[in-house]
């Protein structure tokens, strides 16, 4: 289980990610986290921003890593994306077919600097159009959880 925060600045996305045990989840809602807990930075961010669980997003991911033109590459494809309203921090399994489906497949092509020929060929062959996308934002919208004016 990972606690993760993504930030975007000047077109670059940075990610902070910390692994925790599923049994640590109650710490996230506690007034204070245990001393020295690896997820304390995430707990603090939740408290400062007054964040609470709202939406669960599940999906099936296929991920491939490799090298192209001397640089690392990564391809991920998220399919069968579903979402539902969530009222507590827990890991309830969303049963197959439960929740609302997002009618999309999200393909991410990750690379350094310039797009490698391999990815250019995939893009051309399958007539892919690059676009910004967020599974969470789409899920929150589909579940009717957008704030007024959001």
C-alpha atoms as a PDB file:
ATOM      1  CA  UNK A   1       0.000   0.000   0.000  1.00  0.00           C
ATOM      2  CA  UNK A   2       1.422   3.386  -0.958  1.00  0.00           C
ATOM      3  CA  UNK A   3       0.779   6.895   0.265  1.00  0.00           C
ATOM      4  CA  UNK A   4       1.428   9.156  -2.695  1.00  0.00           C
ATOM      5  CA  UNK A   5       1.486  12.849  -3.485  1.00  0.00           C
ATOM      6  CA  UNK A   6       1.952  14.215  -6.996  1.00  0.00           C
ATOM      7  CA  UNK A   7       2.878  17.792  -7.816  1.00  0.00           C
ATOM      8  CA  UNK A   8       3.246  19.507 -11.151  1.00  0.00           C
ATOM      9  CA  UNK A   9       5.547  22.458 -11.729  1.00  0.00           C
ATOM     10  CA  UNK A  10       6.661  23.896 -15.059  1.00  0.00           C
ATOM     11  CA  UNK A  11       5.345  20.846 -16.909  1.00  0.00           C
ATOM     12  CA  UNK A  12       7.229  18.347 -14.726  1.00  0.00           C
ATOM     13  CA  UNK A  13       5.443  15.948 -12.390  1.00  0.00           C
ATOM     14  CA  UNK A  14       7.174  14.909  -9.194  1.00  0.00           C
ATOM     15  CA  UNK A  15       5.902  12.136  -6.987  1.00  0.00           C
ATOM     16  CA  UNK A  16       6.494  11.382  -3.340  1.00  0.00           C
ATOM     17  CA  UNK A  17       5.579   7.822  -2.462  1.00  0.00           C
ATOM     18  CA  UNK A  18       5.903   5.858   0.782  1.00  0.00           C
ATOM     19  CA  UNK A  19       5.005   2.220   1.383  1.00  0.00           C
ATOM     20  CA  UNK A  20       2.966   1.424   4.499  1.00  0.00           C
ATOM     21  CA  UNK A  21       1.187  -1.636   5.849  1.00  0.00           C
ATOM     22  CA  UNK A  22      -2.604  -1.848   5.382  1.00  0.00           C
ATOM     23  CA  UNK A  23      -2.872  -2.014   9.181  1.00  0.00           C
ATOM     24  CA  UNK A  24      -1.447   1.551   9.283  1.00  0.00           C
ATOM     25  CA  UNK A  25      -4.533   3.063   7.589  1.00  0.00           C
ATOM     26  CA  UNK A  26      -6.231   4.099  10.880  1.00  0.00           C
ATOM     27  CA  UNK A  27      -3.219   6.337  11.585  1.00  0.00           C
ATOM     28  CA  UNK A  28      -4.329   8.598   8.733  1.00  0.00           C
ATOM     29  CA  UNK A  29      -7.516   9.630  10.566  1.00  0.00           C
ATOM     30  CA  UNK A  30      -5.964   9.821  14.031  1.00  0.00           C
ATOM     31  CA  UNK A  31      -5.353  13.177  15.699  1.00  0.00           C
ATOM     32  CA  UNK A  32      -1.622  12.440  15.718  1.00  0.00           C
ATOM     33  CA  UNK A  33       0.457   9.821  13.955  1.00  0.00           C
ATOM     34  CA  UNK A  34       2.814   7.553  15.920  1.00  0.00           C
ATOM     35  CA  UNK A  35       6.299   8.969  16.487  1.00  0.00           C
ATOM     36  CA  UNK A  36       8.653   7.977  13.687  1.00  0.00           C
ATOM     37  CA  UNK A  37       5.909   6.547  11.433  1.00  0.00           C
ATOM     38  CA  UNK A  38       7.020   6.614   7.773  1.00  0.00           C
ATOM     39  CA  UNK A  39       3.646   8.023   6.689  1.00  0.00           C
ATOM     40  CA  UNK A  40       3.723  11.013   9.036  1.00  0.00           C
ATOM     41  CA  UNK A  41       4.316  13.466   6.148  1.00  0.00           C
ATOM     42  CA  UNK A  42       1.112  12.241   4.469  1.00  0.00           C
ATOM     43  CA  UNK A  43      -0.855  12.348   7.729  1.00  0.00           C
ATOM     44  CA  UNK A  44       0.275  15.943   8.245  1.00  0.00           C
ATOM     45  CA  UNK A  45      -0.783  16.921   4.704  1.00  0.00           C
ATOM     46  CA  UNK A  46      -4.246  15.412   5.261  1.00  0.00           C
ATOM     47  CA  UNK A  47      -4.665  17.303   8.540  1.00  0.00           C
ATOM     48  CA  UNK A  48      -3.379  20.631   7.159  1.00  0.00           C
ATOM     49  CA  UNK A  49      -5.674  20.479   4.135  1.00  0.00           C
ATOM     50  CA  UNK A  50      -8.625  18.949   6.042  1.00  0.00           C
ATOM     51  CA  UNK A  51      -8.866  16.123   3.515  1.00  0.00           C
ATOM     52  CA  UNK A  52     -11.095  13.094   3.936  1.00  0.00           C
ATOM     53  CA  UNK A  53     -11.831   9.990   1.855  1.00  0.00           C
ATOM     54  CA  UNK A  54     -14.414  10.636  -0.859  1.00  0.00           C
ATOM     55  CA  UNK A  55     -13.939   8.335  -3.805  1.00  0.00           C
ATOM     56  CA  UNK A  56     -12.479   4.920  -4.540  1.00  0.00           C
ATOM     57  CA  UNK A  57     -10.984   4.245  -7.959  1.00  0.00           C
ATOM     58  CA  UNK A  58     -10.080   0.719  -9.066  1.00  0.00           C
ATOM     59  CA  UNK A  59      -8.532  -0.431 -12.320  1.00  0.00           C
ATOM     60  CA  UNK A  60      -6.479  -3.155 -13.937  1.00  0.00           C
ATOM     61  CA  UNK A  61      -2.974  -2.056 -14.923  1.00  0.00           C
ATOM     62  CA  UNK A  62      -0.538  -3.591 -17.358  1.00  0.00           C
ATOM     63  CA  UNK A  63       2.945  -2.097 -17.024  1.00  0.00           C
ATOM     64  CA  UNK A  64       6.031  -2.658 -19.123  1.00  0.00           C
ATOM     65  CA  UNK A  65       9.493  -1.205 -18.682  1.00  0.00           C
ATOM     66  CA  UNK A  66      12.436  -1.251 -21.019  1.00  0.00           C
ATOM     67  CA  UNK A  67      14.982   0.827 -22.809  1.00  0.00           C
ATOM     68  CA  UNK A  68      14.825   2.665 -26.110  1.00  0.00           C
ATOM     69  CA  UNK A  69      17.568   4.679 -27.734  1.00  0.00           C
ATOM     70  CA  UNK A  70      19.699   4.392 -24.614  1.00  0.00           C
ATOM     71  CA  UNK A  71      17.087   5.722 -22.167  1.00  0.00           C
ATOM     72  CA  UNK A  72      14.600   4.024 -19.838  1.00  0.00           C
ATOM     73  CA  UNK A  73      10.977   3.865 -20.978  1.00  0.00           C
ATOM     74  CA  UNK A  74       7.749   2.768 -19.326  1.00  0.00           C
ATOM     75  CA  UNK A  75       4.354   1.964 -20.793  1.00  0.00           C
ATOM     76  CA  UNK A  76       1.275   1.543 -18.612  1.00  0.00           C
ATOM     77  CA  UNK A  77      -2.280   0.796 -19.658  1.00  0.00           C
ATOM     78  CA  UNK A  78      -5.138   1.185 -17.175  1.00  0.00           C
ATOM     79  CA  UNK A  79      -8.368  -0.605 -18.126  1.00  0.00           C
ATOM     80  CA  UNK A  80     -11.670  -1.549 -16.490  1.00  0.00           C
ATOM     81  CA  UNK A  81     -11.607   1.681 -14.469  1.00  0.00           C
ATOM     82  CA  UNK A  82     -14.470   1.914 -11.982  1.00  0.00           C
ATOM     83  CA  UNK A  83     -15.293   4.315  -9.175  1.00  0.00           C
ATOM     84  CA  UNK A  84     -17.576   4.661  -6.192  1.00  0.00           C
ATOM     85  CA  UNK A  85     -18.253   6.969  -3.263  1.00  0.00           C
ATOM     86  CA  UNK A  86     -16.140   6.145  -0.215  1.00  0.00           C
ATOM     87  CA  UNK A  87     -16.905   7.261   3.356  1.00  0.00           C
ATOM     88  CA  UNK A  88     -13.900   5.955   5.270  1.00  0.00           C
ATOM     89  CA  UNK A  89     -10.246   5.156   4.824  1.00  0.00           C
ATOM     90  CA  UNK A  90     -10.261   1.426   4.266  1.00  0.00           C
ATOM     91  CA  UNK A  91      -9.420  -1.078   1.609  1.00  0.00           C
ATOM     92  CA  UNK A  92     -12.814  -2.471   0.749  1.00  0.00           C
ATOM     93  CA  UNK A  93     -12.638  -4.559  -2.368  1.00  0.00           C
ATOM     94  CA  UNK A  94     -14.877  -3.169  -5.041  1.00  0.00           C
ATOM     95  CA  UNK A  95     -16.655  -6.231  -6.365  1.00  0.00           C
ATOM     96  CA  UNK A  96     -16.331  -7.006 -10.053  1.00  0.00           C
ATOM     97  CA  UNK A  97     -18.880  -4.893 -11.898  1.00  0.00           C
ATOM     98  CA  UNK A  98     -19.611  -2.656  -8.895  1.00  0.00           C
ATOM     99  CA  UNK A  99     -19.282   1.099  -9.072  1.00  0.00           C
ATOM    100  CA  UNK A 100     -19.585   3.354 -12.087  1.00  0.00           C
ATOM    101  CA  UNK A 101     -17.380   2.628 -15.102  1.00  0.00           C
ATOM    102  CA  UNK A 102     -15.137   5.250 -16.671  1.00  0.00           C
ATOM    103  CA  UNK A 103     -15.477   4.431 -20.346  1.00  0.00           C
ATOM    104  CA  UNK A 104     -11.799   4.989 -21.116  1.00  0.00           C
ATOM    105  CA  UNK A 105      -8.514   3.162 -21.283  1.00  0.00           C
ATOM    106  CA  UNK A 106      -5.566   5.258 -20.196  1.00  0.00           C
ATOM    107  CA  UNK A 107      -2.226   4.632 -21.871  1.00  0.00           C
ATOM    108  CA  UNK A 108       0.817   6.357 -20.429  1.00  0.00           C
ATOM    109  CA  UNK A 109       4.084   6.482 -22.333  1.00  0.00           C
ATOM    110  CA  UNK A 110       6.871   7.598 -20.028  1.00  0.00           C
ATOM    111  CA  UNK A 111      10.283   8.582 -21.314  1.00  0.00           C
ATOM    112  CA  UNK A 112      13.070  11.083 -20.748  1.00  0.00           C
ATOM    113  CA  UNK A 113      13.687  14.085 -22.973  1.00  0.00           C
ATOM    114  CA  UNK A 114      12.343  13.256 -26.460  1.00  0.00           C
ATOM    115  CA  UNK A 115       9.809  10.599 -27.403  1.00  0.00           C
ATOM    116  CA  UNK A 116      11.594   7.475 -28.681  1.00  0.00           C
ATOM    117  CA  UNK A 117      10.860   6.143 -32.177  1.00  0.00           C
ATOM    118  CA  UNK A 118       9.103   3.111 -30.681  1.00  0.00           C
ATOM    119  CA  UNK A 119       6.500   5.324 -28.967  1.00  0.00           C
ATOM    120  CA  UNK A 120       6.184   7.541 -32.044  1.00  0.00           C
ATOM    121  CA  UNK A 121       5.391   4.449 -34.101  1.00  0.00           C
ATOM    122  CA  UNK A 122       2.795   3.245 -31.558  1.00  0.00           C
ATOM    123  CA  UNK A 123       1.194   6.687 -31.597  1.00  0.00           C
ATOM    124  CA  UNK A 124       1.080   6.735 -35.391  1.00  0.00           C
ATOM    125  CA  UNK A 125      -0.053   3.134 -35.869  1.00  0.00           C
ATOM    126  CA  UNK A 126      -2.924   3.350 -33.389  1.00  0.00           C
ATOM    127  CA  UNK A 127      -3.795   6.994 -34.178  1.00  0.00           C
ATOM    128  CA  UNK A 128      -3.336   8.039 -30.548  1.00  0.00           C
ATOM    129  CA  UNK A 129      -3.935  11.636 -29.531  1.00  0.00           C
ATOM    130  CA  UNK A 130      -1.951  12.839 -26.512  1.00  0.00           C
ATOM    131  CA  UNK A 131      -4.116  14.451 -23.846  1.00  0.00           C
ATOM    132  CA  UNK A 132      -3.999  15.249 -20.142  1.00  0.00           C
ATOM    133  CA  UNK A 133      -6.088  12.879 -18.045  1.00  0.00           C
ATOM    134  CA  UNK A 134      -6.763  12.093 -14.409  1.00  0.00           C
ATOM    135  CA  UNK A 135      -8.586   8.948 -13.341  1.00  0.00           C
ATOM    136  CA  UNK A 136      -9.386  10.553  -9.997  1.00  0.00           C
ATOM    137  CA  UNK A 137     -10.814  13.769 -11.455  1.00  0.00           C
ATOM    138  CA  UNK A 138     -12.975  11.805 -13.870  1.00  0.00           C
ATOM    139  CA  UNK A 139     -14.149   9.534 -11.035  1.00  0.00           C
ATOM    140  CA  UNK A 140     -15.025  12.425  -8.714  1.00  0.00           C
ATOM    141  CA  UNK A 141     -17.043  14.007 -11.510  1.00  0.00           C
ATOM    142  CA  UNK A 142     -18.823  10.740 -12.393  1.00  0.00           C
ATOM    143  CA  UNK A 143     -19.687  10.118  -8.723  1.00  0.00           C
ATOM    144  CA  UNK A 144     -21.153  13.621  -8.375  1.00  0.00           C
ATOM    145  CA  UNK A 145     -18.546  14.710  -5.839  1.00  0.00           C
ATOM    146  CA  UNK A 146     -17.308  17.904  -7.483  1.00  0.00           C
ATOM    147  CA  UNK A 147     -17.520  20.972  -5.250  1.00  0.00           C
ATOM    148  CA  UNK A 148     -19.870  23.765  -6.310  1.00  0.00           C
ATOM    149  CA  UNK A 149     -18.137  25.712  -9.073  1.00  0.00           C
ATOM    150  CA  UNK A 150     -15.658  22.803  -9.554  1.00  0.00           C
END
